[in-house]
Amino acid sequence: MIDFWASWCRPCRMENPNVVAVHNKYKDEKLKNGKGFTVYSVSLDMKKEAWQDAIAADGLLWPSHVSDLLGWNNAAALKYAVQGIPTNYLIDGDGIIIGKALRGIDLEKALEGLKEK
């Protein structure tokens, strides 16, 4: 999942505990057309210290965190036409977007439906 967020975004910070819980629950699951679940975090921050502090404070333990520190001009956000945050894109093993803007229970339901039986 590509997760667009920022340290200064209150809704993002409120959603982070859910993303952490879902990551912890599904990171080792066998999913249809994929090797498991991981998060690739893309921050729209402009201040490196605030971004890194939020990663630590929110317990975002997955290894993939990126930011070009360009805020709304972030290259990935422009490529994905991100209009607001938090937002995310669930991508399968073939690189196909299979879900968008999944928050709260909707993200967990989507992943539950992808579990191999």
Protein backbone atom coordinates (compact mmCIF):
# COMPACT_ATOMS: atom_id res chain seq x y z
CA MET A 1 0.00 0.00 0.00
CA ILE A 2 1.24 3.46 -0.84
CA ASP A 3 0.17 5.74 2.01
CA PHE A 4 0.23 9.51 1.52
CA TRP A 5 0.33 11.50 4.75
CA ALA A 6 2.14 14.31 6.62
CA SER A 7 3.16 15.03 10.19
CA TRP A 8 1.10 18.25 10.26
CA CYS A 9 -2.08 16.50 9.04
CA ARG A 10 -4.31 15.75 12.04
CA PRO A 11 -6.55 13.24 10.18
CA CYS A 12 -3.39 11.46 9.00
CA ARG A 13 -2.04 11.21 12.51
CA MET A 14 -5.41 9.94 13.74
CA GLU A 15 -5.39 7.25 11.02
CA ASN A 16 -1.81 6.14 11.72
CA PRO A 17 -2.74 3.81 14.62
CA ASN A 18 -5.10 1.96 12.27
CA VAL A 19 -2.42 1.66 9.59
CA VAL A 20 0.02 0.33 12.20
CA ALA A 21 -2.52 -2.22 13.46
CA VAL A 22 -3.37 -3.41 9.95
CA HIS A 23 0.31 -3.61 9.02
CA ASN A 24 1.06 -5.69 12.10
CA LYS A 25 -1.90 -7.99 11.46
CA TYR A 26 -1.33 -8.64 7.74
CA LYS A 27 2.43 -8.22 7.17
CA ASP A 28 3.04 -11.97 7.36
CA GLU A 29 -0.21 -13.13 5.73
CA LYS A 30 -0.26 -14.86 2.36
CA LEU A 31 -2.39 -12.67 0.13
CA LYS A 32 -3.82 -13.38 -3.31
CA ASN A 33 -1.50 -12.18 -6.05
CA GLY A 34 1.06 -10.77 -3.64
CA LYS A 35 3.83 -11.70 -1.24
CA GLY A 36 2.25 -10.09 1.82
CA PHE A 37 1.24 -6.65 3.00
CA THR A 38 3.58 -3.76 3.49
CA VAL A 39 3.27 0.00 3.65
CA TYR A 40 5.25 2.45 1.56
CA SER A 41 4.82 5.81 3.29
CA VAL A 42 5.06 8.99 1.25
CA SER A 43 5.14 12.15 3.34
CA LEU A 44 4.07 15.56 2.10
CA ASP A 45 6.13 17.21 4.80
CA MET A 46 8.52 20.07 4.16
CA LYS A 47 10.39 19.81 7.47
CA LYS A 48 12.57 16.71 7.84
CA GLU A 49 12.69 16.78 11.64
CA ALA A 50 8.89 17.00 12.01
CA TRP A 51 8.46 14.13 9.53
CA GLN A 52 11.00 11.89 11.27
CA ASP A 53 9.63 12.74 14.72
CA ALA A 54 6.12 11.77 13.62
CA ILE A 55 7.36 8.42 12.27
CA ALA A 56 8.88 7.65 15.68
CA ALA A 57 5.99 9.04 17.73
CA ASP A 58 3.35 7.12 15.76
CA GLY A 59 5.33 3.87 15.70
CA LEU A 60 5.45 3.56 11.92
CA LEU A 61 7.82 0.59 12.05
CA TRP A 62 7.89 -0.48 8.40
CA PRO A 63 11.13 0.35 6.58
CA SER A 64 9.81 2.30 3.59
CA HIS A 65 9.42 6.02 4.34
CA VAL A 66 10.12 8.66 1.72
CA SER A 67 9.73 12.39 1.30
CA ASP A 68 11.31 14.84 -1.08
CA LEU A 69 10.30 17.58 1.41
CA LEU A 70 8.40 19.43 -1.31
CA GLY A 71 4.99 19.33 0.37
CA TRP A 72 2.13 19.28 -2.15
CA ASN A 73 4.70 19.34 -4.95
CA ASN A 74 5.90 15.87 -3.93
CA ALA A 75 6.67 13.94 -7.12
CA ALA A 76 4.72 10.81 -6.11
CA ALA A 77 1.71 12.84 -4.95
CA LEU A 78 1.65 14.64 -8.31
CA LYS A 79 1.97 11.35 -10.21
CA TYR A 80 -0.93 9.80 -8.27
CA ALA A 81 -2.97 13.03 -8.47
CA VAL A 82 -3.33 13.22 -4.70
CA GLN A 83 -5.90 15.89 -3.86
CA GLY A 84 -6.07 15.41 -0.09
CA ILE A 85 -4.48 13.42 2.71
CA PRO A 86 -4.59 10.95 4.22
CA THR A 87 -5.10 8.78 1.19
CA ASN A 88 -3.68 5.51 0.01
CA TYR A 89 -3.52 3.11 -2.91
CA LEU A 90 -3.68 -0.64 -2.39
CA ILE A 91 -1.59 -2.31 -5.08
CA ASP A 92 -1.49 -6.01 -5.93
CA GLY A 93 1.50 -8.16 -6.87
CA ASP A 94 1.19 -7.14 -10.52
CA GLY A 95 1.31 -3.43 -9.70
CA ILE A 96 -2.42 -2.93 -10.31
CA ILE A 97 -4.29 -0.50 -8.07
CA ILE A 98 -7.05 -2.57 -6.43
CA GLY A 99 -8.17 -0.11 -3.76
CA LYS A 100 -8.05 3.60 -3.08
CA ALA A 101 -8.60 5.82 -0.03
CA LEU A 102 -9.18 2.84 2.27
CA ARG A 103 -9.35 4.00 5.88
CA GLY A 104 -10.33 2.42 9.15
CA ILE A 105 -12.28 -0.80 8.87
CA ASP A 106 -12.45 -0.52 5.06
CA LEU A 107 -8.71 -1.17 4.78
CA GLU A 108 -8.94 -4.23 7.01
CA LYS A 109 -11.94 -5.57 5.07
CA ALA A 110 -10.06 -5.19 1.78
CA LEU A 111 -7.07 -7.10 3.14
CA GLU A 112 -9.26 -9.76 4.71
CA GLY A 113 -10.77 -10.34 1.28
CA LEU A 114 -7.29 -10.82 -0.20
CA LYS A 115 -6.18 -13.51 2.25
CA GLU A 116 -5.45 -16.87 0.70
CA LYS A 117 -7.70 -19.52 2.14
